[in-house]
Amino acid sequence: MNITRTLATAAVALLPALVLAHGEGVECKVPANEWRPKEELASKLEKEGWTIRKLKVDNGCYEVYGFDAKGKKRESYFNPKTLETVTDVLQK
């Protein structure tokens, strides 16, 4: 197997991870009447030590930009019904 083919195969294999790392492809399919208030998510995260910079809706999920209890910068998506993490990206 030549090096070009190896690199191309590796790039294709990593593509889904790179897409999710930026929130693309993340989607929550929860009916609006089942959503919990975003203030509830904000309160939950703040109790866990987060500092929230921005909380918005994106692709049917709550998207949070902020810093976790350890001061690490995060971009995280949460299910609006369960408030559980759907995906979480440690930012630089």
Protein backbone atom coordinates (compact mmCIF):
# COMPACT_ATOMS: atom_id res chain seq x y z
CA MET A 1 0.00 0.00 0.00
CA ASN A 2 1.53 3.33 -0.97
CA ILE A 3 1.76 6.33 1.36
CA THR A 4 -0.82 8.43 -0.54
CA ARG A 5 -3.42 5.73 -0.26
CA THR A 6 -2.63 5.23 3.44
CA LEU A 7 -3.00 8.96 4.16
CA ALA A 8 -6.24 9.16 2.18
CA THR A 9 -7.67 6.20 4.09
CA ALA A 10 -6.68 7.75 7.42
CA ALA A 11 -8.24 11.10 6.47
CA VAL A 12 -11.54 9.47 5.53
CA ALA A 13 -11.53 7.47 8.78
CA LEU A 14 -11.00 10.61 10.87
CA LEU A 15 -13.61 12.73 9.09
CA PRO A 16 -16.58 11.78 11.34
CA ALA A 17 -14.60 12.69 14.46
CA LEU A 18 -13.61 16.05 13.01
CA VAL A 19 -17.19 16.80 12.01
CA LEU A 20 -18.50 16.02 15.50
CA ALA A 21 -15.68 18.01 17.06
CA HIS A 22 -17.26 21.15 15.67
CA GLY A 23 -20.84 20.19 16.38
CA GLU A 24 -21.72 19.35 12.81
CA GLY A 25 -23.88 16.28 12.57
CA VAL A 26 -25.08 16.62 16.16
CA GLU A 27 -28.87 16.58 16.33
CA CYS A 28 -31.38 16.10 19.11
CA LYS A 29 -34.82 14.95 18.03
CA VAL A 30 -37.00 15.89 20.98
CA PRO A 31 -40.51 17.35 20.63
CA ALA A 32 -40.61 20.97 21.85
CA ASN A 33 -43.25 20.20 24.48
CA GLU A 34 -40.78 17.80 26.17
CA TRP A 35 -37.94 20.30 26.51
CA ARG A 36 -36.80 21.40 29.94
CA PRO A 37 -36.01 25.11 30.32
CA LYS A 38 -32.50 26.16 29.35
CA GLU A 39 -32.30 27.98 32.70
CA GLU A 40 -32.49 24.56 34.33
CA LEU A 41 -29.47 23.40 32.33
CA ALA A 42 -27.60 26.60 33.18
CA SER A 43 -28.32 26.14 36.88
CA LYS A 44 -27.23 22.48 36.76
CA LEU A 45 -23.94 23.33 35.05
CA GLU A 46 -23.21 26.26 37.35
CA LYS A 47 -23.72 23.96 40.37
CA GLU A 48 -21.14 21.64 38.78
CA GLY A 49 -18.69 24.56 38.64
CA TRP A 50 -19.15 25.70 35.05
CA THR A 51 -18.88 29.29 33.90
CA ILE A 52 -21.26 29.69 30.96
CA ARG A 53 -20.38 32.16 28.21
CA LYS A 54 -23.24 31.32 25.86
CA LEU A 55 -26.19 28.90 25.88
CA LYS A 56 -28.25 28.54 22.72
CA VAL A 57 -30.28 26.07 20.68
CA ASP A 58 -28.52 24.39 17.76
CA ASN A 59 -29.89 21.44 15.74
CA GLY A 60 -32.50 20.73 18.38
CA CYS A 61 -29.93 20.54 21.19
CA TYR A 62 -28.80 22.98 23.82
CA GLU A 63 -25.30 24.16 22.90
CA VAL A 64 -23.15 25.57 25.68
CA TYR A 65 -19.91 27.49 25.37
CA GLY A 66 -18.02 28.00 28.59
CA PHE A 67 -15.52 26.68 31.08
CA ASP A 68 -15.90 23.54 33.17
CA ALA A 69 -15.07 23.24 36.89
CA LYS A 70 -11.39 22.71 36.03
CA GLY A 71 -11.28 25.90 33.94
CA LYS A 72 -11.13 24.01 30.63
CA LYS A 73 -12.82 25.73 27.71
CA ARG A 74 -15.72 23.63 26.37
CA GLU A 75 -18.28 23.49 23.58
CA SER A 76 -20.92 20.99 24.65
CA TYR A 77 -24.27 19.82 23.33
CA PHE A 78 -27.02 18.64 25.67
CA ASN A 79 -30.27 16.75 25.15
CA PRO A 80 -33.05 19.28 25.93
CA LYS A 81 -35.26 16.63 27.56
CA THR A 82 -32.74 14.83 29.77
CA LEU A 83 -30.07 17.56 30.02
CA GLU A 84 -27.49 14.82 29.44
CA THR A 85 -24.40 15.49 27.35
CA VAL A 86 -24.76 14.52 23.69
CA THR A 87 -21.22 15.53 22.71
CA ASP A 88 -18.50 17.53 24.35
CA VAL A 89 -15.47 19.19 22.81
CA LEU A 90 -12.50 20.47 24.77
CA GLN A 91 -11.48 23.75 23.15
CA LYS A 92 -7.99 25.20 22.89
